[in-house]
Protein backbone atom coordinates (compact mmCIF):
# COMPACT_ATOMS: atom_id res chain seq x y z
CA UNK A 1 0.00 0.00 0.00
CA UNK A 2 1.02 3.59 -0.33
CA UNK A 3 1.92 3.77 3.38
CA UNK A 4 4.87 1.46 2.77
CA UNK A 5 6.01 3.67 -0.11
CA UNK A 6 6.01 6.70 2.20
CA UNK A 7 7.92 4.87 4.94
CA UNK A 8 10.58 3.70 2.49
CA UNK A 9 10.94 7.20 1.06
CA UNK A 10 11.50 8.67 4.52
CA UNK A 11 13.91 5.86 5.45
CA UNK A 12 15.99 6.42 2.32
CA UNK A 13 16.04 10.17 2.93
CA UNK A 14 17.27 9.64 6.50
CA UNK A 15 19.81 6.97 5.54
CA UNK A 16 22.15 9.38 3.80
CA UNK A 17 22.08 7.20 0.68
CA UNK A 18 19.31 9.00 -1.21
CA UNK A 19 21.66 9.85 -4.11
CA UNK A 20 22.68 6.17 -4.54
CA UNK A 21 19.20 4.67 -4.02
CA UNK A 22 16.26 4.59 -6.42
CA UNK A 23 12.76 4.14 -4.98
CA UNK A 24 9.97 2.91 -7.24
CA UNK A 25 6.44 3.44 -6.01
CA UNK A 26 3.69 0.96 -6.78
CA UNK A 27 0.10 2.06 -6.21
CA UNK A 28 -2.66 -0.22 -7.40
CA UNK A 29 -6.37 -0.71 -6.86
CA UNK A 30 -8.41 1.71 -8.90
CA UNK A 31 -12.12 1.74 -9.66
CA UNK A 32 -13.08 -0.32 -6.62
CA UNK A 33 -16.75 -0.86 -5.80
CA UNK A 34 -16.91 -0.73 -2.00
CA UNK A 35 -20.36 -2.39 -1.98
CA UNK A 36 -18.57 -5.69 -2.81
CA UNK A 37 -16.95 -5.75 0.64
CA UNK A 38 -18.65 -7.00 3.77
CA UNK A 39 -17.65 -7.12 7.42
CA UNK A 40 -18.66 -10.74 8.22
CA UNK A 41 -17.10 -14.05 6.84
CA UNK A 42 -20.55 -15.91 6.71
CA UNK A 43 -18.99 -19.38 6.84
CA UNK A 44 -20.80 -22.58 7.71
CA UNK A 45 -19.09 -25.18 9.88
CA UNK A 46 -18.56 -27.56 6.92
CA UNK A 47 -17.40 -24.95 4.37
CA UNK A 48 -14.16 -25.57 2.45
CA UNK A 49 -11.75 -22.68 3.14
CA UNK A 50 -8.68 -21.53 1.20
CA UNK A 51 -6.31 -19.08 2.91
CA UNK A 52 -4.86 -16.34 0.70
CA UNK A 53 -2.29 -13.85 1.96
CA UNK A 54 -3.93 -10.93 0.17
CA UNK A 55 -7.05 -8.82 0.45
CA UNK A 56 -10.31 -10.14 -0.97
CA UNK A 57 -10.96 -8.08 -4.06
CA UNK A 58 -13.23 -8.72 -7.04
CA UNK A 59 -10.38 -7.65 -9.34
CA UNK A 60 -8.36 -10.70 -8.21
CA UNK A 61 -11.01 -12.99 -9.76
CA UNK A 62 -11.20 -15.64 -7.03
CA UNK A 63 -14.21 -17.36 -8.69
CA UNK A 64 -11.90 -18.44 -11.52
CA UNK A 65 -9.40 -19.80 -8.98
CA UNK A 66 -12.15 -21.76 -7.25
CA UNK A 67 -13.41 -23.11 -10.58
CA UNK A 68 -9.90 -24.29 -11.41
CA UNK A 69 -9.62 -26.03 -8.03
CA UNK A 70 -12.81 -27.99 -8.65
PDB file of N, CA and C in Angstrom:
ATOM      1  N   UNK A   1       0.836  -1.177   0.000  1.00  0.00           N
ATOM      2  CA  UNK A   1       0.000   0.000   0.000  1.00  0.00           C
ATOM      3  C   UNK A   1       0.886   1.248   0.000  1.00  0.00           C
ATOM      4  N   UNK A   2       0.251   2.364  -0.206  1.00  0.00           N
ATOM      5  CA  UNK A   2       1.025   3.595  -0.326  1.00  0.00           C
ATOM      6  C   UNK A   2       1.732   3.963   0.966  1.00  0.00           C
ATOM      7  N   UNK A   3       1.244   3.468   2.112  1.00  0.00           N
ATOM      8  CA  UNK A   3       1.916   3.766   3.379  1.00  0.00           C
ATOM      9  C   UNK A   3       3.346   3.230   3.382  1.00  0.00           C
ATOM     10  N   UNK A   4       3.531   2.041   2.839  1.00  0.00           N
ATOM     11  CA  UNK A   4       4.868   1.460   2.770  1.00  0.00           C
ATOM     12  C   UNK A   4       5.769   2.288   1.868  1.00  0.00           C
ATOM     13  N   UNK A   5       5.221   2.814   0.782  1.00  0.00           N
ATOM     14  CA  UNK A   5       6.010   3.672  -0.105  1.00  0.00           C
ATOM     15  C   UNK A   5       6.492   4.916   0.631  1.00  0.00           C
ATOM     16  N   UNK A   6       5.626   5.508   1.438  1.00  0.00           N
ATOM     17  CA  UNK A   6       6.015   6.703   2.196  1.00  0.00           C
ATOM     18  C   UNK A   6       7.082   6.384   3.229  1.00  0.00           C
ATOM     19  N   UNK A   7       6.935   5.258   3.934  1.00  0.00           N
ATOM     20  CA  UNK A   7       7.916   4.868   4.942  1.00  0.00           C
ATOM     21  C   UNK A   7       9.279   4.639   4.306  1.00  0.00           C
ATOM     22  N   UNK A   8       9.312   3.953   3.174  1.00  0.00           N
ATOM     23  CA  UNK A   8      10.581   3.698   2.495  1.00  0.00           C
ATOM     24  C   UNK A   8      11.210   5.004   2.028  1.00  0.00           C
ATOM     25  N   UNK A   9      10.406   5.914   1.514  1.00  0.00           N
ATOM     26  CA  UNK A   9      10.941   7.203   1.059  1.00  0.00           C
ATOM     27  C   UNK A   9      11.578   7.974   2.199  1.00  0.00           C
ATOM     28  N   UNK A  10      10.940   7.976   3.345  1.00  0.00           N
ATOM     29  CA  UNK A  10      11.501   8.666   4.522  1.00  0.00           C
ATOM     30  C   UNK A  10      12.769   7.947   4.986  1.00  0.00           C
ATOM     31  N   UNK A  11      12.741   6.619   5.018  1.00  0.00           N
ATOM     32  CA  UNK A  11      13.913   5.856   5.454  1.00  0.00           C
ATOM     33  C   UNK A  11      15.116   6.113   4.553  1.00  0.00           C
ATOM     34  N   UNK A  12      14.888   6.151   3.251  1.00  0.00           N
ATOM     35  CA  UNK A  12      15.985   6.415   2.320  1.00  0.00           C
ATOM     36  C   UNK A  12      16.513   7.832   2.514  1.00  0.00           C
ATOM     37  N   UNK A  13      15.613   8.783   2.714  1.00  0.00           N
ATOM     38  CA  UNK A  13      16.041  10.173   2.931  1.00  0.00           C
ATOM     39  C   UNK A  13      16.891  10.301   4.195  1.00  0.00           C
ATOM     40  N   UNK A  14      16.519   9.570   5.234  1.00  0.00           N
ATOM     41  CA  UNK A  14      17.265   9.640   6.498  1.00  0.00           C
ATOM     42  C   UNK A  14      18.534   8.802   6.498  1.00  0.00           C
ATOM     43  N   UNK A  15      18.665   7.878   5.560  1.00  0.00           N
ATOM     44  CA  UNK A  15      19.813   6.973   5.543  1.00  0.00           C
ATOM     45  C   UNK A  15      21.104   7.623   5.052  1.00  0.00           C
ATOM     46  N   UNK A  16      20.968   8.751   4.368  1.00  0.00           N
ATOM     47  CA  UNK A  16      22.152   9.382   3.800  1.00  0.00           C
ATOM     48  C   UNK A  16      22.557   8.773   2.469  1.00  0.00           C
ATOM     49  N   UNK A  17      21.766   7.857   1.949  1.00  0.00           N
ATOM     50  CA  UNK A  17      22.077   7.198   0.682  1.00  0.00           C
ATOM     51  C   UNK A  17      21.065   7.541  -0.397  1.00  0.00           C
ATOM     52  N   UNK A  18      20.374   8.670  -0.254  1.00  0.00           N
ATOM     53  CA  UNK A  18      19.315   9.005  -1.209  1.00  0.00           C
ATOM     54  C   UNK A  18      19.843   9.249  -2.619  1.00  0.00           C
ATOM     55  N   UNK A  19      21.098   9.645  -2.771  1.00  0.00           N
ATOM     56  CA  UNK A  19      21.656   9.847  -4.113  1.00  0.00           C
ATOM     57  C   UNK A  19      22.014   8.524  -4.779  1.00  0.00           C
ATOM     58  N   UNK A  20      22.299   7.472  -3.986  1.00  0.00           N
ATOM     59  CA  UNK A  20      22.679   6.174  -4.538  1.00  0.00           C
ATOM     60  C   UNK A  20      21.494   5.205  -4.641  1.00  0.00           C
ATOM     61  N   UNK A  21      20.337   5.588  -4.116  1.00  0.00           N
ATOM     62  CA  UNK A  21      19.198   4.673  -4.021  1.00  0.00           C
ATOM     63  C   UNK A  21      18.033   5.169  -4.857  1.00  0.00           C
ATOM     64  N   UNK A  22      17.466   4.272  -5.657  1.00  0.00           N
ATOM     65  CA  UNK A  22      16.265   4.594  -6.418  1.00  0.00           C
ATOM     66  C   UNK A  22      15.075   3.943  -5.727  1.00  0.00           C
ATOM     67  N   UNK A  23      13.985   4.668  -5.579  1.00  0.00           N
ATOM     68  CA  UNK A  23      12.764   4.142  -4.983  1.00  0.00           C
ATOM     69  C   UNK A  23      11.677   4.171  -6.050  1.00  0.00           C
ATOM     70  N   UNK A  24      11.073   3.019  -6.286  1.00  0.00           N
ATOM     71  CA  UNK A  24       9.972   2.911  -7.238  1.00  0.00           C
ATOM     72  C   UNK A  24       8.681   2.687  -6.473  1.00  0.00           C
ATOM     73  N   UNK A  25       7.731   3.561  -6.683  1.00  0.00           N
ATOM     74  CA  UNK A  25       6.443   3.436  -6.009  1.00  0.00           C
ATOM     75  C   UNK A  25       5.527   2.538  -6.826  1.00  0.00           C
ATOM     76  N   UNK A  26       4.700   1.780  -6.136  1.00  0.00           N
ATOM     77  CA  UNK A  26       3.694   0.956  -6.783  1.00  0.00           C
ATOM     78  C   UNK A  26       2.348   1.159  -6.100  1.00  0.00           C
ATOM     79  N   UNK A  27       1.439   1.828  -6.767  1.00  0.00           N
ATOM     80  CA  UNK A  27       0.102   2.064  -6.212  1.00  0.00           C
ATOM     81  C   UNK A  27      -0.900   1.412  -7.154  1.00  0.00           C
ATOM     82  N   UNK A  28      -1.682   0.498  -6.596  1.00  0.00           N
ATOM     83  CA  UNK A  28      -2.659  -0.217  -7.400  1.00  0.00           C
ATOM     84  C   UNK A  28      -4.009  -0.176  -6.716  1.00  0.00           C
ATOM     85  N   UNK A  29      -5.041  -0.612  -7.444  1.00  0.00           N
ATOM     86  CA  UNK A  29      -6.372  -0.706  -6.860  1.00  0.00           C
ATOM     87  C   UNK A  29      -7.250   0.472  -7.225  1.00  0.00           C
ATOM     88  N   UNK A  30      -7.562   0.609  -8.480  1.00  0.00           N
ATOM     89  CA  UNK A  30      -8.412   1.713  -8.901  1.00  0.00           C
ATOM     90  C   UNK A  30      -9.796   1.189  -9.239  1.00  0.00           C
ATOM     91  N   UNK A  31     -10.759   2.057  -9.266  1.00  0.00           N
ATOM     92  CA  UNK A  31     -12.124   1.744  -9.665  1.00  0.00           C
ATOM     93  C   UNK A  31     -12.712   0.601  -8.830  1.00  0.00           C
ATOM     94  N   UNK A  32     -12.586   0.708  -7.514  1.00  0.00           N
ATOM     95  CA  UNK A  32     -13.077  -0.324  -6.619  1.00  0.00           C
ATOM     96  C   UNK A  32     -14.499  -0.005  -6.185  1.00  0.00           C
ATOM     97  N   UNK A  33     -15.374  -1.010  -6.243  1.00  0.00           N
ATOM     98  CA  UNK A  33     -16.755  -0.861  -5.804  1.00  0.00           C
ATOM     99  C   UNK A  33     -16.840  -1.329  -4.357  1.00  0.00           C
ATOM    100  N   UNK A  34     -16.940  -0.393  -3.414  1.00  0.00           N
ATOM    101  CA  UNK A  34     -16.914  -0.730  -2.001  1.00  0.00           C
ATOM    102  C   UNK A  34     -18.132  -1.527  -1.553  1.00  0.00           C
ATOM    103  N   UNK A  35     -19.191  -1.583  -2.356  1.00  0.00           N
ATOM    104  CA  UNK A  35     -20.356  -2.385  -1.984  1.00  0.00           C
ATOM    105  C   UNK A  35     -20.068  -3.888  -2.088  1.00  0.00           C
ATOM    106  N   UNK A  36     -18.951  -4.284  -2.705  1.00  0.00           N
ATOM    107  CA  UNK A  36     -18.568  -5.689  -2.810  1.00  0.00           C
ATOM    108  C   UNK A  36     -17.912  -6.219  -1.533  1.00  0.00           C
ATOM    109  N   UNK A  37     -17.665  -5.362  -0.569  1.00  0.00           N
ATOM    110  CA  UNK A  37     -16.955  -5.751   0.641  1.00  0.00           C
ATOM    111  C   UNK A  37     -17.916  -5.795   1.818  1.00  0.00           C
ATOM    112  N   UNK A  38     -17.828  -6.866   2.579  1.00  0.00           N
ATOM    113  CA  UNK A  38     -18.653  -7.001   3.771  1.00  0.00           C
ATOM    114  C   UNK A  38     -17.780  -7.099   5.002  1.00  0.00           C
ATOM    115  N   UNK A  39     -18.408  -7.049   6.184  1.00  0.00           N
ATOM    116  CA  UNK A  39     -17.651  -7.116   7.422  1.00  0.00           C
ATOM    117  C   UNK A  39     -17.638  -8.519   8.030  1.00  0.00           C
ATOM    118  N   UNK A  40     -18.563  -9.403   7.635  1.00  0.00           N
ATOM    119  CA  UNK A  40     -18.663 -10.739   8.225  1.00  0.00           C
ATOM    120  C   UNK A  40     -18.176 -11.804   7.238  1.00  0.00           C
ATOM    121  N   UNK A  41     -17.592 -12.948   7.678  1.00  0.00           N
ATOM    122  CA  UNK A  41     -17.105 -14.053   6.842  1.00  0.00           C
ATOM    123  C   UNK A  41     -18.199 -14.924   6.317  1.00  0.00           C
ATOM    124  N   UNK A  42     -19.368 -15.138   7.094  1.00  0.00           N
ATOM    125  CA  UNK A  42     -20.554 -15.909   6.707  1.00  0.00           C
ATOM    126  C   UNK A  42     -20.183 -17.343   6.307  1.00  0.00           C
ATOM    127  N   UNK A  43     -19.402 -18.008   7.129  1.00  0.00           N
ATOM    128  CA  UNK A  43     -18.987 -19.380   6.842  1.00  0.00           C
ATOM    129  C   UNK A  43     -19.815 -20.367   7.644  1.00  0.00           C
ATOM    130  N   UNK A  44     -20.162 -21.474   7.006  1.00  0.00           N
ATOM    131  CA  UNK A  44     -20.800 -22.581   7.711  1.00  0.00           C
ATOM    132  C   UNK A  44     -19.711 -23.488   8.272  1.00  0.00           C
ATOM    133  N   UNK A  45     -20.081 -24.331   9.220  1.00  0.00           N
ATOM    134  CA  UNK A  45     -19.093 -25.184   9.877  1.00  0.00           C
ATOM    135  C   UNK A  45     -18.429 -26.169   8.916  1.00  0.00           C
ATOM    136  N   UNK A  46     -19.123 -26.587   7.859  1.00  0.00           N
ATOM    137  CA  UNK A  46     -18.556 -27.558   6.925  1.00  0.00           C
ATOM    138  C   UNK A  46     -18.073 -26.936   5.613  1.00  0.00           C
ATOM    139  N   UNK A  47     -17.895 -25.620   5.570  1.00  0.00           N
ATOM    140  CA  UNK A  47     -17.396 -24.949   4.366  1.00  0.00           C
ATOM    141  C   UNK A  47     -15.921 -25.278   4.133  1.00  0.00           C
ATOM    142  N   UNK A  48     -15.552 -25.403   2.860  1.00  0.00           N
ATOM    143  CA  UNK A  48     -14.158 -25.568   2.451  1.00  0.00           C
ATOM    144  C   UNK A  48     -13.534 -24.178   2.404  1.00  0.00           C
ATOM    145  N   UNK A  49     -12.372 -23.998   3.034  1.00  0.00           N
ATOM    146  CA  UNK A  49     -11.751 -22.682   3.141  1.00  0.00           C
ATOM    147  C   UNK A  49     -10.350 -22.716   2.546  1.00  0.00           C
ATOM    148  N   UNK A  50     -10.020 -21.710   1.744  1.00  0.00           N
ATOM    149  CA  UNK A  50      -8.681 -21.528   1.202  1.00  0.00           C
ATOM    150  C   UNK A  50      -8.134 -20.236   1.785  1.00  0.00           C
ATOM    151  N   UNK A  51      -6.927 -20.275   2.347  1.00  0.00           N
ATOM    152  CA  UNK A  51      -6.309 -19.076   2.909  1.00  0.00           C
ATOM    153  C   UNK A  51      -5.445 -18.418   1.836  1.00  0.00           C
ATOM    154  N   UNK A  52      -5.630 -17.122   1.666  1.00  0.00           N
ATOM    155  CA  UNK A  52      -4.862 -16.338   0.702  1.00  0.00           C
ATOM    156  C   UNK A  52      -4.256 -15.161   1.451  1.00  0.00           C
ATOM    157  N   UNK A  53      -2.962 -14.949   1.282  1.00  0.00           N
ATOM    158  CA  UNK A  53      -2.286 -13.846   1.959  1.00  0.00           C
ATOM    159  C   UNK A  53      -2.406 -12.583   1.119  1.00  0.00           C
ATOM    160  N   UNK A  54      -3.635 -12.142   0.928  1.00  0.00           N
ATOM    161  CA  UNK A  54      -3.926 -10.926   0.171  1.00  0.00           C
ATOM    162  C   UNK A  54      -5.346 -10.491   0.525  1.00  0.00           C
ATOM    163  N   UNK A  55      -5.694  -9.286   0.167  1.00  0.00           N
ATOM    164  CA  UNK A  55      -7.052  -8.825   0.451  1.00  0.00           C
ATOM    165  C   UNK A  55      -8.036  -9.490  -0.515  1.00  0.00           C
ATOM    166  N   UNK A  56      -9.285  -9.641  -0.072  1.00  0.00           N
ATOM    167  CA  UNK A  56     -10.314 -10.142  -0.974  1.00  0.00           C
ATOM    168  C   UNK A  56     -10.760  -8.992  -1.848  1.00  0.00           C
ATOM    169  N   UNK A  57     -10.629  -9.149  -3.137  1.00  0.00           N
ATOM    170  CA  UNK A  57     -10.959  -8.083  -4.058  1.00  0.00           C
ATOM    171  C   UNK A  57     -11.531  -8.693  -5.326  1.00  0.00           C
ATOM    172  N   UNK A  58     -12.652  -8.189  -5.815  1.00  0.00           N
ATOM    173  CA  UNK A  58     -13.229  -8.724  -7.043  1.00  0.00           C
ATOM    174  C   UNK A  58     -12.263  -8.689  -8.230  1.00  0.00           C
ATOM    175  N   UNK A  59     -11.330  -7.741  -8.237  1.00  0.00           N
ATOM    176  CA  UNK A  59     -10.375  -7.650  -9.344  1.00  0.00           C
ATOM    177  C   UNK A  59      -9.393  -8.822  -9.374  1.00  0.00           C
ATOM    178  N   UNK A  60      -9.270  -9.558  -8.242  1.00  0.00           N
ATOM    179  CA  UNK A  60      -8.364 -10.704  -8.208  1.00  0.00           C
ATOM    180  C   UNK A  60      -8.998 -11.958  -8.803  1.00  0.00           C
ATOM    181  N   UNK A  61     -10.285 -11.919  -9.069  1.00  0.00           N
ATOM    182  CA  UNK A  61     -11.014 -12.990  -9.757  1.00  0.00           C
ATOM    183  C   UNK A  61     -10.881 -14.341  -9.055  1.00  0.00           C
ATOM    184  N   UNK A  62     -11.240 -14.389  -7.779  1.00  0.00           N
ATOM    185  CA  UNK A  62     -11.202 -15.637  -7.027  1.00  0.00           C
ATOM    186  C   UNK A  62     -12.195 -16.677  -7.542  1.00  0.00           C
ATOM    187  N   UNK A  63     -13.347 -16.314  -8.127  1.00  0.00           N
ATOM    188  CA  UNK A  63     -14.214 -17.357  -8.687  1.00  0.00           C
ATOM    189  C   UNK A  63     -13.522 -18.224  -9.744  1.00  0.00           C
ATOM    190  N   UNK A  64     -12.643 -17.639 -10.533  1.00  0.00           N
ATOM    191  CA  UNK A  64     -11.902 -18.436 -11.516  1.00  0.00           C
ATOM    192  C   UNK A  64     -10.928 -19.388 -10.816  1.00  0.00           C
ATOM    193  N   UNK A  65     -10.289 -18.930  -9.753  1.00  0.00           N
ATOM    194  CA  UNK A  65      -9.398 -19.799  -8.982  1.00  0.00           C
ATOM    195  C   UNK A  65     -10.184 -20.969  -8.408  1.00  0.00           C
ATOM    196  N   UNK A  66     -11.341 -20.689  -7.835  1.00  0.00           N
ATOM    197  CA  UNK A  66     -12.148 -21.758  -7.247  1.00  0.00           C
ATOM    198  C   UNK A  66     -12.640 -22.736  -8.314  1.00  0.00           C
ATOM    199  N   UNK A  67     -12.992 -22.237  -9.482  1.00  0.00           N
ATOM    200  CA  UNK A  67     -13.415 -23.113 -10.584  1.00  0.00           C
ATOM    201  C   UNK A  67     -12.262 -24.015 -11.018  1.00  0.00           C
ATOM    202  N   UNK A  68     -11.061 -23.489 -11.031  1.00  0.00           N
ATOM    203  CA  UNK A  68      -9.900 -24.292 -11.407  1.00  0.00           C
ATOM    204  C   UNK A  68      -9.611 -25.363 -10.361  1.00  0.00           C
ATOM    205  N   UNK A  69      -9.869 -25.064  -9.098  1.00  0.00           N
ATOM    206  CA  UNK A  69      -9.618 -26.034  -8.027  1.00  0.00           C
ATOM    207  C   UNK A  69     -10.627 -27.168  -8.028  1.00  0.00           C
ATOM    208  N   UNK A  70     -11.800 -26.924  -8.586  1.00  0.00           N
ATOM    209  CA  UNK A  70     -12.813 -27.989  -8.646  1.00  0.00           C
ATOM    210  C   UNK A  70     -12.349 -29.076  -9.581  1.00  0.00           C
TER     211      UNK A  70
END
